[in-house]
Amino acid sequence: MSQPSRFEAFTDHQWARIEPLLPSNEGHRGRPFTRTRQIVNGIVFRYRTGIPWRDLPRDRFGPWQTVWQRHRRYAEQGTWDEVLTHILAAADASGLIEPNVSIDATIVRAHQHATNTR
């Protein structure tokens, strides 16, 4: 299995598992979703690099507005949560997830003047 490039976030095998979880606009009016993999790669690239949406390479991912709108729509619909839940459930069923518990006993005390009370 080949590793994805810096512009490709997923291998073909990984994408085959994710693509069916993403919504399509089949049966809906309007322009059909196209280039879903390219757009999802744009979303991942943007978060990986930390660049503003407007700085997405247009030749690689298409118009930044399209990438941003699809990301926003998926977030509002809970698509990203469903994808993560499905992937984690499959990994857990395969025994790939080990339960870890982390307890942090850090205490941060504020100065008396930081409370904004008299």
PDB file of N, CA and C in Angstrom:
ATOM      1  N   MET A   1       0.847  -1.166   0.000  1.00  0.00           N
ATOM      2  CA  MET A   1       0.000   0.000   0.000  1.00  0.00           C
ATOM      3  C   MET A   1       0.901   1.240   0.000  1.00  0.00           C
ATOM      4  N   SER A   2       0.682   2.101  -0.941  1.00  0.00           N
ATOM      5  CA  SER A   2       1.518   3.298  -1.027  1.00  0.00           C
ATOM      6  C   SER A   2       1.035   4.374  -0.070  1.00  0.00           C
ATOM      7  N   GLN A   3       1.952   5.186   0.368  1.00  0.00           N
ATOM      8  CA  GLN A   3       1.626   6.285   1.256  1.00  0.00           C
ATOM      9  C   GLN A   3       1.054   7.444   0.448  1.00  0.00           C
ATOM     10  N   PRO A   4       0.097   8.179   1.025  1.00  0.00           N
ATOM     11  CA  PRO A   4      -0.437   9.333   0.310  1.00  0.00           C
ATOM     12  C   PRO A   4       0.609  10.441   0.203  1.00  0.00           C
ATOM     13  N   SER A   5       0.446  11.304  -0.805  1.00  0.00           N
ATOM     14  CA  SER A   5       1.363  12.430  -0.972  1.00  0.00           C
ATOM     15  C   SER A   5       0.989  13.529   0.012  1.00  0.00           C
ATOM     16  N   ARG A   6       1.704  14.631  -0.048  1.00  0.00           N
ATOM     17  CA  ARG A   6       1.385  15.718   0.889  1.00  0.00           C
ATOM     18  C   ARG A   6       0.060  16.384   0.564  1.00  0.00           C
ATOM     19  N   PHE A   7      -0.444  16.188  -0.653  1.00  0.00           N
ATOM     20  CA  PHE A   7      -1.741  16.745  -1.019  1.00  0.00           C
ATOM     21  C   PHE A   7      -2.860  15.716  -0.918  1.00  0.00           C
ATOM     22  N   GLU A   8      -2.501  14.452  -0.823  1.00  0.00           N
ATOM     23  CA  GLU A   8      -3.478  13.375  -0.680  1.00  0.00           C
ATOM     24  C   GLU A   8      -3.445  12.921   0.776  1.00  0.00           C
ATOM     25  N   ALA A   9      -4.577  13.012   1.446  1.00  0.00           N
ATOM     26  CA  ALA A   9      -4.608  12.672   2.863  1.00  0.00           C
ATOM     27  C   ALA A   9      -4.813  11.179   3.104  1.00  0.00           C
ATOM     28  N   PHE A  10      -5.418  10.480   2.145  1.00  0.00           N
ATOM     29  CA  PHE A  10      -5.800   9.093   2.364  1.00  0.00           C
ATOM     30  C   PHE A  10      -5.272   8.189   1.256  1.00  0.00           C
ATOM     31  N   THR A  11      -4.943   6.959   1.634  1.00  0.00           N
ATOM     32  CA  THR A  11      -4.634   5.949   0.628  1.00  0.00           C
ATOM     33  C   THR A  11      -5.947   5.521  -0.019  1.00  0.00           C
ATOM     34  N   ASP A  12      -5.861   4.780  -1.104  1.00  0.00           N
ATOM     35  CA  ASP A  12      -7.074   4.309  -1.777  1.00  0.00           C
ATOM     36  C   ASP A  12      -7.904   3.422  -0.856  1.00  0.00           C
ATOM     37  N   HIS A  13      -7.237   2.591  -0.062  1.00  0.00           N
ATOM     38  CA  HIS A  13      -7.947   1.720   0.879  1.00  0.00           C
ATOM     39  C   HIS A  13      -8.677   2.535   1.948  1.00  0.00           C
ATOM     40  N   GLN A  14      -8.000   3.530   2.497  1.00  0.00           N
ATOM     41  CA  GLN A  14      -8.631   4.380   3.507  1.00  0.00           C
ATOM     42  C   GLN A  14      -9.823   5.127   2.921  1.00  0.00           C
ATOM     43  N   TRP A  15      -9.648   5.658   1.714  1.00  0.00           N
ATOM     44  CA  TRP A  15     -10.736   6.405   1.087  1.00  0.00           C
ATOM     45  C   TRP A  15     -11.937   5.501   0.802  1.00  0.00           C
ATOM     46  N   ALA A  16     -11.686   4.254   0.439  1.00  0.00           N
ATOM     47  CA  ALA A  16     -12.776   3.314   0.176  1.00  0.00           C
ATOM     48  C   ALA A  16     -13.612   3.067   1.431  1.00  0.00           C
ATOM     49  N   ARG A  17     -13.008   3.193   2.599  1.00  0.00           N
ATOM     50  CA  ARG A  17     -13.755   3.027   3.856  1.00  0.00           C
ATOM     51  C   ARG A  17     -14.494   4.291   4.257  1.00  0.00           C
ATOM     52  N   ILE A  18     -13.962   5.465   3.884  1.00  0.00           N
ATOM     53  CA  ILE A  18     -14.559   6.737   4.288  1.00  0.00           C
ATOM     54  C   ILE A  18     -15.648   7.196   3.331  1.00  0.00           C
ATOM     55  N   GLU A  19     -15.447   7.017   2.051  1.00  0.00           N
ATOM     56  CA  GLU A  19     -16.366   7.573   1.049  1.00  0.00           C
ATOM     57  C   GLU A  19     -17.825   7.179   1.253  1.00  0.00           C
ATOM     58  N   PRO A  20     -18.145   5.915   1.566  1.00  0.00           N
ATOM     59  CA  PRO A  20     -19.558   5.575   1.746  1.00  0.00           C
ATOM     60  C   PRO A  20     -20.211   6.266   2.948  1.00  0.00           C
ATOM     61  N   LEU A  21     -19.411   6.773   3.868  1.00  0.00           N
ATOM     62  CA  LEU A  21     -19.947   7.429   5.062  1.00  0.00           C
ATOM     63  C   LEU A  21     -20.305   8.893   4.803  1.00  0.00           C
ATOM     64  N   LEU A  22     -19.815   9.440   3.708  1.00  0.00           N
ATOM     65  CA  LEU A  22     -20.070  10.840   3.384  1.00  0.00           C
ATOM     66  C   LEU A  22     -21.386  10.972   2.628  1.00  0.00           C
ATOM     67  N   PRO A  23     -22.139  12.035   2.889  1.00  0.00           N
ATOM     68  CA  PRO A  23     -23.433  12.193   2.219  1.00  0.00           C
ATOM     69  C   PRO A  23     -23.259  12.509   0.737  1.00  0.00           C
ATOM     70  N   SER A  24     -24.243  12.102  -0.020  1.00  0.00           N
ATOM     71  CA  SER A  24     -24.293  12.471  -1.431  1.00  0.00           C
ATOM     72  C   SER A  24     -25.550  13.303  -1.634  1.00  0.00           C
ATOM     73  N   ASN A  25     -25.656  13.927  -2.770  1.00  0.00           N
ATOM     74  CA  ASN A  25     -26.871  14.696  -3.020  1.00  0.00           C
ATOM     75  C   ASN A  25     -27.777  13.965  -3.998  1.00  0.00           C
ATOM     76  N   GLU A  26     -27.647  12.654  -4.022  1.00  0.00           N
ATOM     77  CA  GLU A  26     -28.503  11.846  -4.878  1.00  0.00           C
ATOM     78  C   GLU A  26     -29.955  12.024  -4.441  1.00  0.00           C
ATOM     79  N   GLY A  27     -30.804  12.344  -5.376  1.00  0.00           N
ATOM     80  CA  GLY A  27     -32.217  12.568  -5.068  1.00  0.00           C
ATOM     81  C   GLY A  27     -32.539  13.983  -4.644  1.00  0.00           C
ATOM     82  N   HIS A  28     -31.526  14.847  -4.580  1.00  0.00           N
ATOM     83  CA  HIS A  28     -31.732  16.245  -4.211  1.00  0.00           C
ATOM     84  C   HIS A  28     -31.589  17.124  -5.446  1.00  0.00           C
ATOM     85  N   ARG A  29     -32.244  18.253  -5.409  1.00  0.00           N
ATOM     86  CA  ARG A  29     -32.095  19.201  -6.503  1.00  0.00           C
ATOM     87  C   ARG A  29     -30.785  19.952  -6.345  1.00  0.00           C
ATOM     88  N   GLY A  30     -30.345  20.552  -7.428  1.00  0.00           N
ATOM     89  CA  GLY A  30     -29.120  21.354  -7.385  1.00  0.00           C
ATOM     90  C   GLY A  30     -27.973  20.667  -8.091  1.00  0.00           C
ATOM     91  N   ARG A  31     -26.854  21.314  -8.030  1.00  0.00           N
ATOM     92  CA  ARG A  31     -25.658  20.794  -8.680  1.00  0.00           C
ATOM     93  C   ARG A  31     -25.154  19.567  -7.937  1.00  0.00           C
ATOM     94  N   PRO A  32     -24.801  18.505  -8.656  1.00  0.00           N
ATOM     95  CA  PRO A  32     -24.333  17.296  -7.963  1.00  0.00           C
ATOM     96  C   PRO A  32     -22.969  17.510  -7.322  1.00  0.00           C
ATOM     97  N   PHE A  33     -22.757  16.795  -6.213  1.00  0.00           N
ATOM     98  CA  PHE A  33     -21.444  16.828  -5.577  1.00  0.00           C
ATOM     99  C   PHE A  33     -20.446  16.212  -6.541  1.00  0.00           C
ATOM    100  N   THR A  34     -19.367  16.885  -6.739  1.00  0.00           N
ATOM    101  CA  THR A  34     -18.304  16.338  -7.564  1.00  0.00           C
ATOM    102  C   THR A  34     -17.006  16.459  -6.787  1.00  0.00           C
ATOM    103  N   ARG A  35     -16.051  15.668  -7.159  1.00  0.00           N
ATOM    104  CA  ARG A  35     -14.710  15.761  -6.596  1.00  0.00           C
ATOM    105  C   ARG A  35     -14.699  15.673  -5.067  1.00  0.00           C
ATOM    106  N   THR A  36     -15.497  14.789  -4.506  1.00  0.00           N
ATOM    107  CA  THR A  36     -15.576  14.691  -3.050  1.00  0.00           C
ATOM    108  C   THR A  36     -14.211  14.395  -2.440  1.00  0.00           C
ATOM    109  N   ARG A  37     -13.463  13.498  -3.039  1.00  0.00           N
ATOM    110  CA  ARG A  37     -12.141  13.165  -2.486  1.00  0.00           C
ATOM    111  C   ARG A  37     -11.224  14.375  -2.531  1.00  0.00           C
ATOM    112  N   GLN A  38     -11.252  15.121  -3.623  1.00  0.00           N
ATOM    113  CA  GLN A  38     -10.428  16.318  -3.750  1.00  0.00           C
ATOM    114  C   GLN A  38     -10.804  17.341  -2.684  1.00  0.00           C
ATOM    115  N   ILE A  39     -12.075  17.505  -2.431  1.00  0.00           N
ATOM    116  CA  ILE A  39     -12.529  18.490  -1.450  1.00  0.00           C
ATOM    117  C   ILE A  39     -12.160  18.055  -0.036  1.00  0.00           C
ATOM    118  N   VAL A  40     -12.355  16.783   0.287  1.00  0.00           N
ATOM    119  CA  VAL A  40     -11.980  16.298   1.620  1.00  0.00           C
ATOM    120  C   VAL A  40     -10.468  16.404   1.812  1.00  0.00           C
ATOM    121  N   ASN A  41      -9.702  16.125   0.766  1.00  0.00           N
ATOM    122  CA  ASN A  41      -8.256  16.325   0.851  1.00  0.00           C
ATOM    123  C   ASN A  41      -7.923  17.789   1.123  1.00  0.00           C
ATOM    124  N   GLY A  42      -8.668  18.709   0.519  1.00  0.00           N
ATOM    125  CA  GLY A  42      -8.467  20.136   0.772  1.00  0.00           C
ATOM    126  C   GLY A  42      -8.743  20.501   2.215  1.00  0.00           C
ATOM    127  N   ILE A  43      -9.805  19.918   2.784  1.00  0.00           N
ATOM    128  CA  ILE A  43     -10.148  20.176   4.187  1.00  0.00           C
ATOM    129  C   ILE A  43      -9.033  19.678   5.096  1.00  0.00           C
ATOM    130  N   VAL A  44      -8.566  18.467   4.844  1.00  0.00           N
ATOM    131  CA  VAL A  44      -7.489  17.893   5.666  1.00  0.00           C
ATOM    132  C   VAL A  44      -6.203  18.694   5.498  1.00  0.00           C
ATOM    133  N   PHE A  45      -5.889  19.073   4.266  1.00  0.00           N
ATOM    134  CA  PHE A  45      -4.681  19.864   4.003  1.00  0.00           C
ATOM    135  C   PHE A  45      -4.727  21.189   4.754  1.00  0.00           C
ATOM    136  N   ARG A  46      -5.880  21.826   4.746  1.00  0.00           N
ATOM    137  CA  ARG A  46      -6.024  23.117   5.434  1.00  0.00           C
ATOM    138  C   ARG A  46      -5.776  22.963   6.931  1.00  0.00           C
ATOM    139  N   TYR A  47      -6.338  21.925   7.547  1.00  0.00           N
ATOM    140  CA  TYR A  47      -6.132  21.727   8.976  1.00  0.00           C
ATOM    141  C   TYR A  47      -4.718  21.251   9.282  1.00  0.00           C
ATOM    142  N   ARG A  48      -4.134  20.482   8.388  1.00  0.00           N
ATOM    143  CA  ARG A  48      -2.778  19.997   8.611  1.00  0.00           C
ATOM    144  C   ARG A  48      -1.767  21.132   8.570  1.00  0.00           C
ATOM    145  N   THR A  49      -1.963  22.078   7.653  1.00  0.00           N
ATOM    146  CA  THR A  49      -0.994  23.158   7.483  1.00  0.00           C
ATOM    147  C   THR A  49      -1.324  24.396   8.303  1.00  0.00           C
ATOM    148  N   GLY A  50      -2.601  24.571   8.669  1.00  0.00           N
ATOM    149  CA  GLY A  50      -2.997  25.742   9.437  1.00  0.00           C
ATOM    150  C   GLY A  50      -3.153  27.009   8.614  1.00  0.00           C
ATOM    151  N   ILE A  51      -3.234  26.870   7.300  1.00  0.00           N
ATOM    152  CA  ILE A  51      -3.357  28.042   6.434  1.00  0.00           C
ATOM    153  C   ILE A  51      -4.800  28.540   6.429  1.00  0.00           C
ATOM    154  N   PRO A  52      -5.013  29.803   6.085  1.00  0.00           N
ATOM    155  CA  PRO A  52      -6.387  30.288   5.921  1.00  0.00           C
ATOM    156  C   PRO A  52      -7.059  29.587   4.736  1.00  0.00           C
ATOM    157  N   TRP A  53      -8.384  29.515   4.776  1.00  0.00           N
ATOM    158  CA  TRP A  53      -9.129  28.876   3.686  1.00  0.00           C
ATOM    159  C   TRP A  53      -8.765  29.487   2.336  1.00  0.00           C
ATOM    160  N   ARG A  54      -8.631  30.788   2.294  1.00  0.00           N
ATOM    161  CA  ARG A  54      -8.361  31.481   1.026  1.00  0.00           C
ATOM    162  C   ARG A  54      -7.014  31.109   0.410  1.00  0.00           C
ATOM    163  N   ASP A  55      -6.118  30.543   1.205  1.00  0.00           N
ATOM    164  CA  ASP A  55      -4.793  30.190   0.702  1.00  0.00           C
ATOM    165  C   ASP A  55      -4.692  28.744   0.218  1.00  0.00           C
ATOM    166  N   LEU A  56      -5.813  28.017   0.184  1.00  0.00           N
ATOM    167  CA  LEU A  56      -5.775  26.654  -0.352  1.00  0.00           C
ATOM    168  C   LEU A  56      -5.341  26.693  -1.813  1.00  0.00           C
ATOM    169  N   PRO A  57      -4.439  25.817  -2.233  1.00  0.00           N
ATOM    170  CA  PRO A  57      -4.028  25.793  -3.640  1.00  0.00           C
ATOM    171  C   PRO A  57      -5.211  25.423  -4.542  1.00  0.00           C
ATOM    172  N   ARG A  58      -5.659  26.367  -5.344  1.00  0.00           N
ATOM    173  CA  ARG A  58      -6.840  26.172  -6.187  1.00  0.00           C
ATOM    174  C   ARG A  58      -6.637  25.056  -7.208  1.00  0.00           C
ATOM    175  N   ASP A  59      -5.424  24.947  -7.742  1.00  0.00           N
ATOM    176  CA  ASP A  59      -5.179  23.922  -8.752  1.00  0.00           C
ATOM    177  C   ASP A  59      -5.259  22.511  -8.167  1.00  0.00           C
ATOM    178  N   ARG A  60      -5.043  22.360  -6.874  1.00  0.00           N
ATOM    179  CA  ARG A  60      -5.098  21.050  -6.218  1.00  0.00           C
ATOM    180  C   ARG A  60      -6.476  20.697  -5.678  1.00  0.00           C
ATOM    181  N   PHE A  61      -7.162  21.710  -5.104  1.00  0.00           N
ATOM    182  CA  PHE A  61      -8.389  21.422  -4.362  1.00  0.00           C
ATOM    183  C   PHE A  61      -9.628  22.131  -4.895  1.00  0.00           C
ATOM    184  N   GLY A  62      -9.475  22.955  -5.908  1.00  0.00           N
ATOM    185  CA  GLY A  62     -10.610  23.696  -6.431  1.00  0.00           C
ATOM    186  C   GLY A  62     -10.804  24.992  -5.649  1.00  0.00           C
ATOM    187  N   PRO A  63     -11.923  25.677  -5.889  1.00  0.00           N
ATOM    188  CA  PRO A  63     -12.169  26.944  -5.206  1.00  0.00           C
ATOM    189  C   PRO A  63     -12.265  26.761  -3.686  1.00  0.00           C
ATOM    190  N   TRP A  64     -11.632  27.644  -2.953  1.00  0.00           N
ATOM    191  CA  TRP A  64     -11.632  27.526  -1.495  1.00  0.00           C
ATOM    192  C   TRP A  64     -13.046  27.625  -0.947  1.00  0.00           C
ATOM    193  N   GLN A  65     -13.915  28.383  -1.624  1.00  0.00           N
ATOM    194  CA  GLN A  65     -15.283  28.546  -1.148  1.00  0.00           C
ATOM    195  C   GLN A  65     -16.017  27.200  -1.150  1.00  0.00           C
ATOM    196  N   THR A  66     -15.780  26.408  -2.171  1.00  0.00           N
ATOM    197  CA  THR A  66     -16.423  25.094  -2.265  1.00  0.00           C
ATOM    198  C   THR A  66     -15.940  24.186  -1.144  1.00  0.00           C
ATOM    199  N   VAL A  67     -14.646  24.192  -0.898  1.00  0.00           N
ATOM    200  CA  VAL A  67     -14.069  23.358   0.158  1.00  0.00           C
ATOM    201  C   VAL A  67     -14.612  23.797   1.510  1.00  0.00           C
ATOM    202  N   TRP A  68     -14.642  25.095   1.744  1.00  0.00           N
ATOM    203  CA  TRP A  68     -15.137  25.620   3.025  1.00  0.00           C
ATOM    204  C   TRP A  68     -16.609  25.302   3.208  1.00  0.00           C
ATOM    205  N   GLN A  69     -17.425  25.489   2.170  1.00  0.00           N
ATOM    206  CA  GLN A  69     -18.862  25.223   2.287  1.00  0.00           C
ATOM    207  C   GLN A  69     -19.143  23.752   2.576  1.00  0.00           C
ATOM    208  N   ARG A  70     -18.422  22.875   1.906  1.00  0.00           N
ATOM    209  CA  ARG A  70     -18.637  21.442   2.149  1.00  0.00           C
ATOM    210  C   ARG A  70     -18.235  21.086   3.579  1.00  0.00           C
ATOM    211  N   HIS A  71     -17.114  21.640   4.043  1.00  0.00           N
ATOM    212  CA  HIS A  71     -16.684  21.388   5.423  1.00  0.00           C
ATOM    213  C   HIS A  71     -17.735  21.895   6.410  1.00  0.00           C
ATOM    214  N   ARG A  72     -18.227  23.091   6.185  1.00  0.00           N
ATOM    215  CA  ARG A  72     -19.234  23.668   7.081  1.00  0.00           C
ATOM    216  C   ARG A  72     -20.506  22.830   7.075  1.00  0.00           C
ATOM    217  N   ARG A  73     -20.942  22.412   5.899  1.00  0.00           N
ATOM    218  CA  ARG A  73     -22.155  21.605   5.788  1.00  0.00           C
ATOM    219  C   ARG A  73     -21.984  20.274   6.516  1.00  0.00           C
ATOM    220  N   TYR A  74     -20.844  19.622   6.323  1.00  0.00           N
ATOM    221  CA  TYR A  74     -20.609  18.352   7.006  1.00  0.00           C
ATOM    222  C   TYR A  74     -20.564  18.541   8.520  1.00  0.00           C
ATOM    223  N   ALA A  75     -19.985  19.640   8.974  1.00  0.00           N
ATOM    224  CA  ALA A  75     -19.922  19.903  10.416  1.00  0.00           C
ATOM    225  C   ALA A  75     -21.316  20.138  10.978  1.00  0.00           C
ATOM    226  N   GLU A  76     -22.132  20.918  10.291  1.00  0.00           N
ATOM    227  CA  GLU A  76     -23.487  21.201  10.769  1.00  0.00           C
ATOM    228  C   GLU A  76     -24.352  19.952  10.794  1.00  0.00           C
ATOM    229  N   GLN A  77     -24.179  19.084   9.813  1.00  0.00           N
ATOM    230  CA  GLN A  77     -24.982  17.860   9.725  1.00  0.00           C
ATOM    231  C   GLN A  77     -24.475  16.759  10.651  1.00  0.00           C
ATOM    232  N   GLY A  78     -23.318  16.943  11.243  1.00  0.00           N
ATOM    233  CA  GLY A  78     -22.743  15.928  12.116  1.00  0.00           C
ATOM    234  C   GLY A  78     -22.038  14.810  11.359  1.00  0.00           C
ATOM    235  N   THR A  79     -21.724  15.057  10.097  1.00  0.00           N
ATOM    236  CA  THR A  79     -21.081  14.041   9.270  1.00  0.00           C
ATOM    237  C   THR A  79     -19.720  13.649   9.824  1.00  0.00           C
ATOM    238  N   TRP A  80     -18.919  14.639  10.228  1.00  0.00           N
ATOM    239  CA  TRP A  80     -17.582  14.328  10.743  1.00  0.00           C
ATOM    240  C   TRP A  80     -17.682  13.470  12.002  1.00  0.00           C
ATOM    241  N   ASP A  81     -18.651  13.754  12.870  1.00  0.00           N
ATOM    242  CA  ASP A  81     -18.829  12.951  14.081  1.00  0.00           C
ATOM    243  C   ASP A  81     -19.208  11.511  13.733  1.00  0.00           C
ATOM    244  N   GLU A  82     -20.087  11.353  12.741  1.00  0.00           N
ATOM    245  CA  GLU A  82     -20.500  10.013  12.325  1.00  0.00           C
ATOM    246  C   GLU A  82     -19.329   9.233  11.729  1.00  0.00           C
ATOM    247  N   VAL A  83     -18.519   9.888  10.922  1.00  0.00           N
ATOM    248  CA  VAL A  83     -17.364   9.224  10.320  1.00  0.00           C
ATOM    249  C   VAL A  83     -16.401   8.777  11.414  1.00  0.00           C
ATOM    250  N   LEU A  84     -16.096   9.667  12.352  1.00  0.00           N
ATOM    251  CA  LEU A  84     -15.182   9.324  13.436  1.00  0.00           C
ATOM    252  C   LEU A  84     -15.740   8.171  14.276  1.00  0.00           C
ATOM    253  N   THR A  85     -17.018   8.227  14.597  1.00  0.00           N
ATOM    254  CA  THR A  85     -17.643   7.165  15.392  1.00  0.00           C
ATOM    255  C   THR A  85     -17.552   5.821  14.673  1.00  0.00           C
ATOM    256  N   HIS A  86     -17.844   5.827  13.380  1.00  0.00           N
ATOM    257  CA  HIS A  86     -17.800   4.598  12.596  1.00  0.00           C
ATOM    258  C   HIS A  86     -16.377   4.028  12.526  1.00  0.00           C
ATOM    259  N   ILE A  87     -15.400   4.889  12.253  1.00  0.00           N
ATOM    260  CA  ILE A  87     -14.008   4.439  12.153  1.00  0.00           C
ATOM    261  C   ILE A  87     -13.513   3.905  13.501  1.00  0.00           C
ATOM    262  N   LEU A  88     -13.831   4.599  14.585  1.00  0.00           N
ATOM    263  CA  LEU A  88     -13.409   4.140  15.908  1.00  0.00           C
ATOM    264  C   LEU A  88     -14.084   2.832  16.287  1.00  0.00           C
ATOM    265  N   ALA A  89     -15.369   2.676  15.953  1.00  0.00           N
ATOM    266  CA  ALA A  89     -16.078   1.427  16.256  1.00  0.00           C
ATOM    267  C   ALA A  89     -15.460   0.257  15.487  1.00  0.00           C
ATOM    268  N   ALA A  90     -15.122   0.486  14.228  1.00  0.00           N
ATOM    269  CA  ALA A  90     -14.498  -0.572  13.427  1.00  0.00           C
ATOM    270  C   ALA A  90     -13.121  -0.926  13.985  1.00  0.00           C
ATOM    271  N   ALA A  91     -12.359   0.078  14.398  1.00  0.00           N
ATOM    272  CA  ALA A  91     -11.030  -0.177  14.966  1.00  0.00           C
ATOM    273  C   ALA A  91     -11.147  -0.904  16.303  1.00  0.00           C
ATOM    274  N   ASP A  92     -12.127  -0.535  17.103  1.00  0.00           N
ATOM    275  CA  ASP A  92     -12.331  -1.191  18.394  1.00  0.00           C
ATOM    276  C   ASP A  92     -12.758  -2.644  18.196  1.00  0.00           C
ATOM    277  N   ALA A  93     -13.625  -2.886  17.222  1.00  0.00           N
ATOM    278  CA  ALA A  93     -14.067  -4.255  16.946  1.00  0.00           C
ATOM    279  C   ALA A  93     -12.910  -5.124  16.463  1.00  0.00           C
ATOM    280  N   SER A  94     -11.940  -4.505  15.815  1.00  0.00           N
ATOM    281  CA  SER A  94     -10.765  -5.236  15.332  1.00  0.00           C
ATOM    282  C   SER A  94      -9.687  -5.374  16.403  1.00  0.00           C
ATOM    283  N   GLY A  95      -9.917  -4.783  17.565  1.00  0.00           N
ATOM    284  CA  GLY A  95      -8.943  -4.858  18.647  1.00  0.00           C
ATOM    285  C   GLY A  95      -7.764  -3.931  18.473  1.00  0.00           C
ATOM    286  N   LEU A  96      -7.932  -2.869  17.694  1.00  0.00           N
ATOM    287  CA  LEU A  96      -6.828  -1.945  17.429  1.00  0.00           C
ATOM    288  C   LEU A  96      -6.757  -0.790  18.423  1.00  0.00           C
ATOM    289  N   ILE A  97      -7.730  -0.707  19.313  1.00  0.00           N
ATOM    290  CA  ILE A  97      -7.759   0.400  20.280  1.00  0.00           C
ATOM    291  C   ILE A  97      -7.547  -0.171  21.674  1.00  0.00           C
ATOM    292  N   GLU A  98      -6.570   0.388  22.368  1.00  0.00           N
ATOM    293  CA  GLU A  98      -6.321   0.007  23.747  1.00  0.00           C
ATOM    294  C   GLU A  98      -6.866   1.098  24.653  1.00  0.00           C
ATOM    295  N   PRO A  99      -7.619   0.717  25.672  1.00  0.00           N
ATOM    296  CA  PRO A  99      -8.147   1.745  26.572  1.00  0.00           C
ATOM    297  C   PRO A  99      -7.026   2.328  27.427  1.00  0.00           C
ATOM    298  N   ASN A 100      -6.948   3.637  27.456  1.00  0.00           N
ATOM    299  CA  ASN A 100      -5.977   4.342  28.287  1.00  0.00           C
ATOM    300  C   ASN A 100      -6.714   5.342  29.153  1.00  0.00           C
ATOM    301  N   VAL A 101      -6.262   5.490  30.368  1.00  0.00           N
ATOM    302  CA  VAL A 101      -6.841   6.462  31.279  1.00  0.00           C
ATOM    303  C   VAL A 101      -5.727   7.413  31.680  1.00  0.00           C
ATOM    304  N   SER A 102      -6.023   8.698  31.591  1.00  0.00           N
ATOM    305  CA  SER A 102      -5.047   9.703  31.970  1.00  0.00           C
ATOM    306  C   SER A 102      -5.682  10.622  33.000  1.00  0.00           C
ATOM    307  N   ILE A 103      -5.003  10.780  34.096  1.00  0.00           N
ATOM    308  CA  ILE A 103      -5.507  11.652  35.156  1.00  0.00           C
ATOM    309  C   ILE A 103      -4.505  12.775  35.347  1.00  0.00           C
ATOM    310  N   ASP A 104      -5.011  13.985  35.316  1.00  0.00           N
ATOM    311  CA  ASP A 104      -4.164  15.155  35.476  1.00  0.00           C
ATOM    312  C   ASP A 104      -4.512  15.807  36.807  1.00  0.00           C
ATOM    313  N   ALA A 105      -3.548  15.946  37.660  1.00  0.00           N
ATOM    314  CA  ALA A 105      -3.785  16.534  38.971  1.00  0.00           C
ATOM    315  C   ALA A 105      -3.237  17.947  39.047  1.00  0.00           C
ATOM    316  N   THR A 106      -3.159  18.617  37.912  1.00  0.00           N
ATOM    317  CA  THR A 106      -2.642  19.972  37.896  1.00  0.00           C
ATOM    318  C   THR A 106      -3.660  20.915  38.522  1.00  0.00           C
ATOM    319  N   ILE A 107      -3.176  21.789  39.370  1.00  0.00           N
ATOM    320  CA  ILE A 107      -4.033  22.795  39.983  1.00  0.00           C
ATOM    321  C   ILE A 107      -3.479  24.152  39.606  1.00  0.00           C
ATOM    322  N   VAL A 108      -4.342  24.980  39.090  1.00  0.00           N
ATOM    323  CA  VAL A 108      -3.927  26.322  38.723  1.00  0.00           C
ATOM    324  C   VAL A 108      -4.663  27.285  39.637  1.00  0.00           C
ATOM    325  N   ARG A 109      -3.913  28.023  40.393  1.00  0.00           N
ATOM    326  CA  ARG A 109      -4.524  28.983  41.305  1.00  0.00           C
ATOM    327  C   ARG A 109      -4.436  30.377  40.690  1.00  0.00           C
ATOM    328  N   ALA A 110      -5.529  31.101  40.795  1.00  0.00           N
ATOM    329  CA  ALA A 110      -5.561  32.464  40.278  1.00  0.00           C
ATOM    330  C   ALA A 110      -5.227  33.429  41.413  1.00  0.00           C
ATOM    331  N   HIS A 111      -4.595  34.511  41.059  1.00  0.00           N
ATOM    332  CA  HIS A 111      -4.298  35.555  42.026  1.00  0.00           C
ATOM    333  C   HIS A 111      -5.618  36.174  42.478  1.00  0.00           C
ATOM    334  N   GLN A 112      -5.666  36.674  43.687  1.00  0.00           N
ATOM    335  CA  GLN A 112      -6.914  37.225  44.226  1.00  0.00           C
ATOM    336  C   GLN A 112      -7.463  38.360  43.366  1.00  0.00           C
ATOM    337  N   HIS A 113      -6.595  39.086  42.678  1.00  0.00           N
ATOM    338  CA  HIS A 113      -7.084  40.185  41.834  1.00  0.00           C
ATOM    339  C   HIS A 113      -7.598  39.680  40.491  1.00  0.00           C
ATOM    340  N   ALA A 114      -7.359  38.424  40.144  1.00  0.00           N
ATOM    341  CA  ALA A 114      -7.823  37.863  38.880  1.00  0.00           C
ATOM    342  C   ALA A 114      -9.285  37.454  38.915  1.00  0.00           C
ATOM    343  N   THR A 115      -9.893  37.448  40.090  1.00  0.00           N
ATOM    344  CA  THR A 115     -11.280  36.989  40.186  1.00  0.00           C
ATOM    345  C   THR A 115     -12.279  38.053  39.801  1.00  0.00           C
ATOM    346  N   ASN A 116     -11.841  39.297  39.698  1.00  0.00           N
ATOM    347  CA  ASN A 116     -12.707  40.399  39.320  1.00  0.00           C
ATOM    348  C   ASN A 116     -13.868  40.600  40.302  1.00  0.00           C
ATOM    349  N   THR A 117     -13.609  40.272  41.568  1.00  0.00           N
ATOM    350  CA  THR A 117     -14.611  40.505  42.620  1.00  0.00           C
ATOM    351  C   THR A 117     -14.004  41.427  43.662  1.00  0.00           C
ATOM    352  N   ARG A 118     -14.830  41.938  44.489  1.00  0.00           N
ATOM    353  CA  ARG A 118     -14.334  42.833  45.552  1.00  0.00           C
ATOM    354  C   ARG A 118     -14.114  42.112  46.840  1.00  0.00           C
TER     355      ARG A 118
END
